[in-house]
PDB file of N, CA and C in Angstrom:
ATOM      1  N   SER A   1      53.209  65.811-177.783  1.00  0.00           N
ATOM      2  CA  SER A   1      51.889  65.247-177.957  1.00  0.00           C
ATOM      3  C   SER A   1      51.510  64.438-176.725  1.00  0.00           C
ATOM      4  N   ASN A   2      50.261  64.506-176.377  1.00  0.00           N
ATOM      5  CA  ASN A   2      49.767  63.759-175.219  1.00  0.00           C
ATOM      6  C   ASN A   2      49.285  62.384-175.662  1.00  0.00           C
ATOM      7  N   ILE A   3      49.746  61.382-174.954  1.00  0.00           N
ATOM      8  CA  ILE A   3      49.305  60.014-175.202  1.00  0.00           C
ATOM      9  C   ILE A   3      48.604  59.544-173.941  1.00  0.00           C
ATOM     10  N   ASN A   4      47.447  58.964-174.118  1.00  0.00           N
ATOM     11  CA  ASN A   4      46.655  58.492-172.996  1.00  0.00           C
ATOM     12  C   ASN A   4      47.408  57.383-172.251  1.00  0.00           C
ATOM     13  N   VAL A   5      47.386  57.457-170.943  1.00  0.00           N
ATOM     14  CA  VAL A   5      48.066  56.465-170.108  1.00  0.00           C
ATOM     15  C   VAL A   5      47.434  55.090-170.270  1.00  0.00           C
ATOM     16  N   ARG A   6      46.186  55.045-170.646  1.00  0.00           N
ATOM     17  CA  ARG A   6      45.501  53.755-170.837  1.00  0.00           C
ATOM     18  C   ARG A   6      46.188  52.909-171.906  1.00  0.00           C
ATOM     19  N   PHE A   7      46.795  53.554-172.907  1.00  0.00           N
ATOM     20  CA  PHE A   7      47.530  52.791-173.914  1.00  0.00           C
ATOM     21  C   PHE A   7      48.673  52.020-173.266  1.00  0.00           C
ATOM     22  N   TYR A   8      49.373  52.638-172.344  1.00  0.00           N
ATOM     23  CA  TYR A   8      50.483  51.980-171.663  1.00  0.00           C
ATOM     24  C   TYR A   8      49.991  50.835-170.781  1.00  0.00           C
ATOM     25  N   ILE A   9      48.886  51.039-170.104  1.00  0.00           N
ATOM     26  CA  ILE A   9      48.340  49.987-169.239  1.00  0.00           C
ATOM     27  C   ILE A   9      47.928  48.782-170.077  1.00  0.00           C
ATOM     28  N   PHE A  10      47.259  49.031-171.195  1.00  0.00           N
ATOM     29  CA  PHE A  10      46.879  47.922-172.075  1.00  0.00           C
ATOM     30  C   PHE A  10      48.116  47.229-172.638  1.00  0.00           C
ATOM     31  N   ALA A  11      49.136  47.990-172.977  1.00  0.00           N
ATOM     32  CA  ALA A  11      50.361  47.392-173.516  1.00  0.00           C
ATOM     33  C   ALA A  11      51.042  46.511-172.477  1.00  0.00           C
ATOM     34  N   ILE A  12      51.090  46.954-171.246  1.00  0.00           N
ATOM     35  CA  ILE A  12      51.707  46.157-170.184  1.00  0.00           C
ATOM     36  C   ILE A  12      50.905  44.887-169.939  1.00  0.00           C
ATOM     37  N   LEU A  13      49.588  44.994-169.881  1.00  0.00           N
ATOM     38  CA  LEU A  13      48.756  43.797-169.706  1.00  0.00           C
ATOM     39  C   LEU A  13      48.925  42.834-170.877  1.00  0.00           C
ATOM     40  N   PHE A  14      49.003  43.360-172.085  1.00  0.00           N
ATOM     41  CA  PHE A  14      49.223  42.500-173.243  1.00  0.00           C
ATOM     42  C   PHE A  14      50.552  41.771-173.130  1.00  0.00           C
ATOM     43  N   LEU A  15      51.595  42.473-172.750  1.00  0.00           N
ATOM     44  CA  LEU A  15      52.908  41.833-172.622  1.00  0.00           C
ATOM     45  C   LEU A  15      52.910  40.753-171.550  1.00  0.00           C
ATOM     46  N   ILE A  16      52.255  41.016-170.439  1.00  0.00           N
ATOM     47  CA  ILE A  16      52.204  40.023-169.361  1.00  0.00           C
ATOM     48  C   ILE A  16      51.539  38.745-169.849  1.00  0.00           C
ATOM     49  N   PHE A  17      50.416  38.867-170.517  1.00  0.00           N
ATOM     50  CA  PHE A  17      49.700  37.670-170.946  1.00  0.00           C
ATOM     51  C   PHE A  17      50.302  37.055-172.206  1.00  0.00           C
ATOM     52  N   ASP A  18      51.052  37.829-172.966  1.00  0.00           N
ATOM     53  CA  ASP A  18      51.788  37.267-174.090  1.00  0.00           C
ATOM     54  C   ASP A  18      52.947  36.416-173.586  1.00  0.00           C
ATOM     55  N   VAL A  19      53.636  36.893-172.573  1.00  0.00           N
ATOM     56  CA  VAL A  19      54.724  36.116-171.968  1.00  0.00           C
ATOM     57  C   VAL A  19      54.165  34.852-171.324  1.00  0.00           C
ATOM     58  N   GLU A  20      52.980  34.944-170.756  1.00  0.00           N
ATOM     59  CA  GLU A  20      52.345  33.754-170.182  1.00  0.00           C
ATOM     60  C   GLU A  20      52.139  32.695-171.255  1.00  0.00           C
ATOM     61  N   ALA A  21      51.676  33.088-172.414  1.00  0.00           N
ATOM     62  CA  ALA A  21      51.464  32.127-173.500  1.00  0.00           C
ATOM     63  C   ALA A  21      52.783  31.531-173.968  1.00  0.00           C
ATOM     64  N   VAL A  22      53.829  32.334-173.981  1.00  0.00           N
ATOM     65  CA  VAL A  22      55.150  31.838-174.386  1.00  0.00           C
ATOM     66  C   VAL A  22      55.647  30.787-173.404  1.00  0.00           C
ATOM     67  N   PHE A  23      55.386  30.947-172.131  1.00  0.00           N
ATOM     68  CA  PHE A  23      55.792  29.949-171.136  1.00  0.00           C
ATOM     69  C   PHE A  23      54.855  28.744-171.115  1.00  0.00           C
ATOM     70  N   LEU A  24      53.582  28.965-171.328  1.00  0.00           N
ATOM     71  CA  LEU A  24      52.594  27.899-171.178  1.00  0.00           C
ATOM     72  C   LEU A  24      52.638  26.876-172.306  1.00  0.00           C
ATOM     73  N   PHE A  25      52.777  27.313-173.536  1.00  0.00           N
ATOM     74  CA  PHE A  25      52.708  26.382-174.658  1.00  0.00           C
ATOM     75  C   PHE A  25      53.817  25.331-174.636  1.00  0.00           C
ATOM     76  N   PRO A  26      55.098  25.698-174.531  1.00  0.00           N
ATOM     77  CA  PRO A  26      56.132  24.651-174.490  1.00  0.00           C
ATOM     78  C   PRO A  26      56.005  23.752-173.262  1.00  0.00           C
ATOM     79  N   TRP A  27      55.619  24.337-172.139  1.00  0.00           N
ATOM     80  CA  TRP A  27      55.438  23.527-170.929  1.00  0.00           C
ATOM     81  C   TRP A  27      54.351  22.491-171.152  1.00  0.00           C
ATOM     82  N   ALA A  28      53.239  22.893-171.755  1.00  0.00           N
ATOM     83  CA  ALA A  28      52.130  21.965-171.978  1.00  0.00           C
ATOM     84  C   ALA A  28      52.523  20.852-172.940  1.00  0.00           C
ATOM     85  N   VAL A  29      53.276  21.179-173.983  1.00  0.00           N
ATOM     86  CA  VAL A  29      53.700  20.166-174.949  1.00  0.00           C
ATOM     87  C   VAL A  29      54.610  19.146-174.284  1.00  0.00           C
ATOM     88  N   ILE A  30      55.583  19.607-173.527  1.00  0.00           N
ATOM     89  CA  ILE A  30      56.511  18.693-172.856  1.00  0.00           C
ATOM     90  C   ILE A  30      55.801  17.908-171.763  1.00  0.00           C
ATOM     91  N   PHE A  31      54.944  18.566-171.014  1.00  0.00           N
ATOM     92  CA  PHE A  31      54.259  17.893-169.910  1.00  0.00           C
ATOM     93  C   PHE A  31      53.331  16.801-170.417  1.00  0.00           C
ATOM     94  N   MET A  32      52.656  17.027-171.542  1.00  0.00           N
ATOM     95  CA  MET A  32      51.731  16.027-172.066  1.00  0.00           C
ATOM     96  C   MET A  32      52.456  14.820-172.652  1.00  0.00           C
ATOM     97  N   GLU A  33      53.717  14.990-173.071  1.00  0.00           N
ATOM     98  CA  GLU A  33      54.484  13.867-173.611  1.00  0.00           C
ATOM     99  C   GLU A  33      55.003  12.950-172.510  1.00  0.00           C
ATOM    100  N   GLN A  34      55.114  13.457-171.307  1.00  0.00           N
ATOM    101  CA  GLN A  34      55.643  12.669-170.197  1.00  0.00           C
ATOM    102  C   GLN A  34      54.500  12.027-169.429  1.00  0.00           C
ATOM    103  N   LYS A  35      54.834  10.927-168.793  1.00  0.00           N
ATOM    104  CA  LYS A  35      53.861  10.309-167.901  1.00  0.00           C
ATOM    105  C   LYS A  35      53.916  11.018-166.554  1.00  0.00           C
ATOM    106  N   ILE A  36      52.778  11.111-165.911  1.00  0.00           N
ATOM    107  CA  ILE A  36      52.717  11.803-164.627  1.00  0.00           C
ATOM    108  C   ILE A  36      53.291  10.889-163.556  1.00  0.00           C
ATOM    109  N   THR A  37      54.373  11.341-162.952  1.00  0.00           N
ATOM    110  CA  THR A  37      55.008  10.620-161.855  1.00  0.00           C
ATOM    111  C   THR A  37      55.200  11.592-160.704  1.00  0.00           C
ATOM    112  N   ALA A  38      55.729  11.073-159.614  1.00  0.00           N
ATOM    113  CA  ALA A  38      55.967  11.933-158.449  1.00  0.00           C
ATOM    114  C   ALA A  38      57.016  12.993-158.759  1.00  0.00           C
ATOM    115  N   GLY A  39      57.927  12.713-159.674  1.00  0.00           N
ATOM    116  CA  GLY A  39      58.993  13.661-160.001  1.00  0.00           C
ATOM    117  C   GLY A  39      58.532  14.850-160.811  1.00  0.00           C
ATOM    118  N   ASN A  40      57.532  14.667-161.655  1.00  0.00           N
ATOM    119  CA  ASN A  40      57.106  15.805-162.471  1.00  0.00           C
ATOM    120  C   ASN A  40      55.789  16.418-162.003  1.00  0.00           C
ATOM    121  N   VAL A  41      55.389  16.129-160.797  1.00  0.00           N
ATOM    122  CA  VAL A  41      54.210  16.781-160.224  1.00  0.00           C
ATOM    123  C   VAL A  41      54.565  18.194-159.764  1.00  0.00           C
ATOM    124  N   ILE A  42      55.787  18.398-159.325  1.00  0.00           N
ATOM    125  CA  ILE A  42      56.215  19.721-158.846  1.00  0.00           C
ATOM    126  C   ILE A  42      56.149  20.768-159.964  1.00  0.00           C
ATOM    127  N   PRO A  43      56.649  20.490-161.182  1.00  0.00           N
ATOM    128  CA  PRO A  43      56.474  21.491-162.249  1.00  0.00           C
ATOM    129  C   PRO A  43      55.006  21.764-162.578  1.00  0.00           C
ATOM    130  N   PHE A  44      54.158  20.757-162.434  1.00  0.00           N
ATOM    131  CA  PHE A  44      52.726  20.964-162.662  1.00  0.00           C
ATOM    132  C   PHE A  44      52.167  21.955-161.649  1.00  0.00           C
ATOM    133  N   TYR A  45      52.494  21.759-160.382  1.00  0.00           N
ATOM    134  CA  TYR A  45      52.003  22.679-159.352  1.00  0.00           C
ATOM    135  C   TYR A  45      52.615  24.070-159.508  1.00  0.00           C
ATOM    136  N   ALA A  46      53.859  24.136-159.941  1.00  0.00           N
ATOM    137  CA  ALA A  46      54.486  25.441-160.171  1.00  0.00           C
ATOM    138  C   ALA A  46      53.759  26.198-161.280  1.00  0.00           C
ATOM    139  N   MET A  47      53.414  25.500-162.355  1.00  0.00           N
ATOM    140  CA  MET A  47      52.688  26.160-163.446  1.00  0.00           C
ATOM    141  C   MET A  47      51.280  26.542-163.011  1.00  0.00           C
ATOM    142  N   MET A  48      50.649  25.724-162.193  1.00  0.00           N
ATOM    143  CA  MET A  48      49.318  26.068-161.700  1.00  0.00           C
ATOM    144  C   MET A  48      49.380  27.308-160.805  1.00  0.00           C
ATOM    145  N   MET A  49      50.435  27.431-160.014  1.00  0.00           N
ATOM    146  CA  MET A  49      50.610  28.648-159.202  1.00  0.00           C
ATOM    147  C   MET A  49      50.825  29.857-160.106  1.00  0.00           C
ATOM    148  N   PHE A  50      51.632  29.696-161.148  1.00  0.00           N
ATOM    149  CA  PHE A  50      51.884  30.767-162.109  1.00  0.00           C
ATOM    150  C   PHE A  50      50.575  31.215-162.760  1.00  0.00           C
ATOM    151  N   LEU A  51      49.777  30.256-163.204  1.00  0.00           N
ATOM    152  CA  LEU A  51      48.489  30.587-163.815  1.00  0.00           C
ATOM    153  C   LEU A  51      47.522  31.187-162.804  1.00  0.00           C
ATOM    154  N   GLY A  52      47.590  30.723-161.561  1.00  0.00           N
ATOM    155  CA  GLY A  52      46.745  31.282-160.514  1.00  0.00           C
ATOM    156  C   GLY A  52      47.061  32.741-160.243  1.00  0.00           C
ATOM    157  N   VAL A  53      48.340  33.065-160.185  1.00  0.00           N
ATOM    158  CA  VAL A  53      48.746  34.459-159.971  1.00  0.00           C
ATOM    159  C   VAL A  53      48.269  35.321-161.135  1.00  0.00           C
ATOM    160  N   LEU A  54      48.423  34.821-162.350  1.00  0.00           N
ATOM    161  CA  LEU A  54      47.954  35.586-163.508  1.00  0.00           C
ATOM    162  C   LEU A  54      46.437  35.739-163.515  1.00  0.00           C
ATOM    163  N   PHE A  55      45.738  34.701-163.099  1.00  0.00           N
ATOM    164  CA  PHE A  55      44.279  34.786-163.025  1.00  0.00           C
ATOM    165  C   PHE A  55      43.856  35.856-162.025  1.00  0.00           C
ATOM    166  N   PHE A  56      44.463  35.854-160.844  1.00  0.00           N
ATOM    167  CA  PHE A  56      44.107  36.860-159.848  1.00  0.00           C
ATOM    168  C   PHE A  56      44.533  38.257-160.292  1.00  0.00           C
ATOM    169  N   ALA A  57      45.602  38.353-161.068  1.00  0.00           N
ATOM    170  CA  ALA A  57      46.030  39.655-161.581  1.00  0.00           C
ATOM    171  C   ALA A  57      45.005  40.218-162.560  1.00  0.00           C
ATOM    172  N   ILE A  58      44.474  39.370-163.436  1.00  0.00           N
ATOM    173  CA  ILE A  58      43.482  39.864-164.394  1.00  0.00           C
ATOM    174  C   ILE A  58      42.165  40.191-163.698  1.00  0.00           C
ATOM    175  N   VAL A  59      41.803  39.422-162.689  1.00  0.00           N
ATOM    176  CA  VAL A  59      40.592  39.728-161.924  1.00  0.00           C
ATOM    177  C   VAL A  59      40.772  41.050-161.184  1.00  0.00           C
ATOM    178  N   TYR A  60      41.944  41.260-160.601  1.00  0.00           N
ATOM    179  CA  TYR A  60      42.230  42.510-159.900  1.00  0.00           C
ATOM    180  C   TYR A  60      42.162  43.700-160.868  1.00  0.00           C
ATOM    181  N   ALA A  61      42.774  43.543-162.044  1.00  0.00           N
ATOM    182  CA  ALA A  61      42.745  44.624-163.031  1.00  0.00           C
ATOM    183  C   ALA A  61      41.318  44.895-163.496  1.00  0.00           C
ATOM    184  N   TRP A  62      40.546  43.842-163.634  1.00  0.00           N
ATOM    185  CA  TRP A  62      39.155  43.998-164.063  1.00  0.00           C
ATOM    186  C   TRP A  62      38.347  44.737-163.001  1.00  0.00           C
ATOM    187  N   LYS A  63      38.530  44.354-161.724  1.00  0.00           N
ATOM    188  CA  LYS A  63      37.798  45.002-160.627  1.00  0.00           C
ATOM    189  C   LYS A  63      38.202  46.470-160.464  1.00  0.00           C
ATOM    190  N   LYS A  64      39.464  46.787-160.755  1.00  0.00           N
ATOM    191  CA  LYS A  64      39.931  48.170-160.647  1.00  0.00           C
ATOM    192  C   LYS A  64      39.488  49.021-161.837  1.00  0.00           C
ATOM    193  N   GLY A  65      38.901  48.382-162.857  1.00  0.00           N
ATOM    194  CA  GLY A  65      38.428  49.124-164.015  1.00  0.00           C
ATOM    195  C   GLY A  65      39.482  49.401-165.062  1.00  0.00           C
ATOM    196  N   VAL A  66      40.598  48.711-164.984  1.00  0.00           N
ATOM    197  CA  VAL A  66      41.681  48.939-165.935  1.00  0.00           C
ATOM    198  C   VAL A  66      41.284  48.493-167.339  1.00  0.00           C
ATOM    199  N   LEU A  67      40.460  47.480-167.441  1.00  0.00           N
ATOM    200  CA  LEU A  67      40.105  46.924-168.743  1.00  0.00           C
ATOM    201  C   LEU A  67      38.968  47.672-169.425  1.00  0.00           C
ATOM    202  N   GLU A  68      38.416  48.663-168.763  1.00  0.00           N
ATOM    203  CA  GLU A  68      37.327  49.444-169.347  1.00  0.00           C
ATOM    204  C   GLU A  68      37.895  50.707-169.981  1.00  0.00           C
ATOM    205  N   TRP A  69      37.559  50.902-171.240  1.00  0.00           N
ATOM    206  CA  TRP A  69      38.039  52.083-171.940  1.00  0.00           C
ATOM    207  C   TRP A  69      37.020  53.200-171.751  1.00  0.00           C
ATOM    208  N   GLN A  70      37.459  54.288-171.109  1.00  0.00           N
ATOM    209  CA  GLN A  70      36.570  55.417-170.837  1.00  0.00           C
ATOM    210  C   GLN A  70      37.078  56.643-171.570  1.00  0.00           C
ATOM    211  N   LYS A  71      36.137  57.442-172.069  1.00  0.00           N
ATOM    212  CA  LYS A  71      36.536  58.687-172.737  1.00  0.00           C
ATOM    213  C   LYS A  71      36.466  59.838-171.778  1.00  0.00           C
TER     214      LYS A  71
END
């Protein structure tokens, strides 16, 4: 049976952003409980870089037309 490749692309994008949520939620809970000091600014910037890469990835996928379902 033939399965459209678009299903795989959507599944991969879903997994990427699902993993992002798994990393983001615990980080946000722990980060908000701590006071912002010079020592915990580095994890903040690391997470912002992580979110930035994901943001540019979704913009790239959108511009390439991956998110558009065509028949």
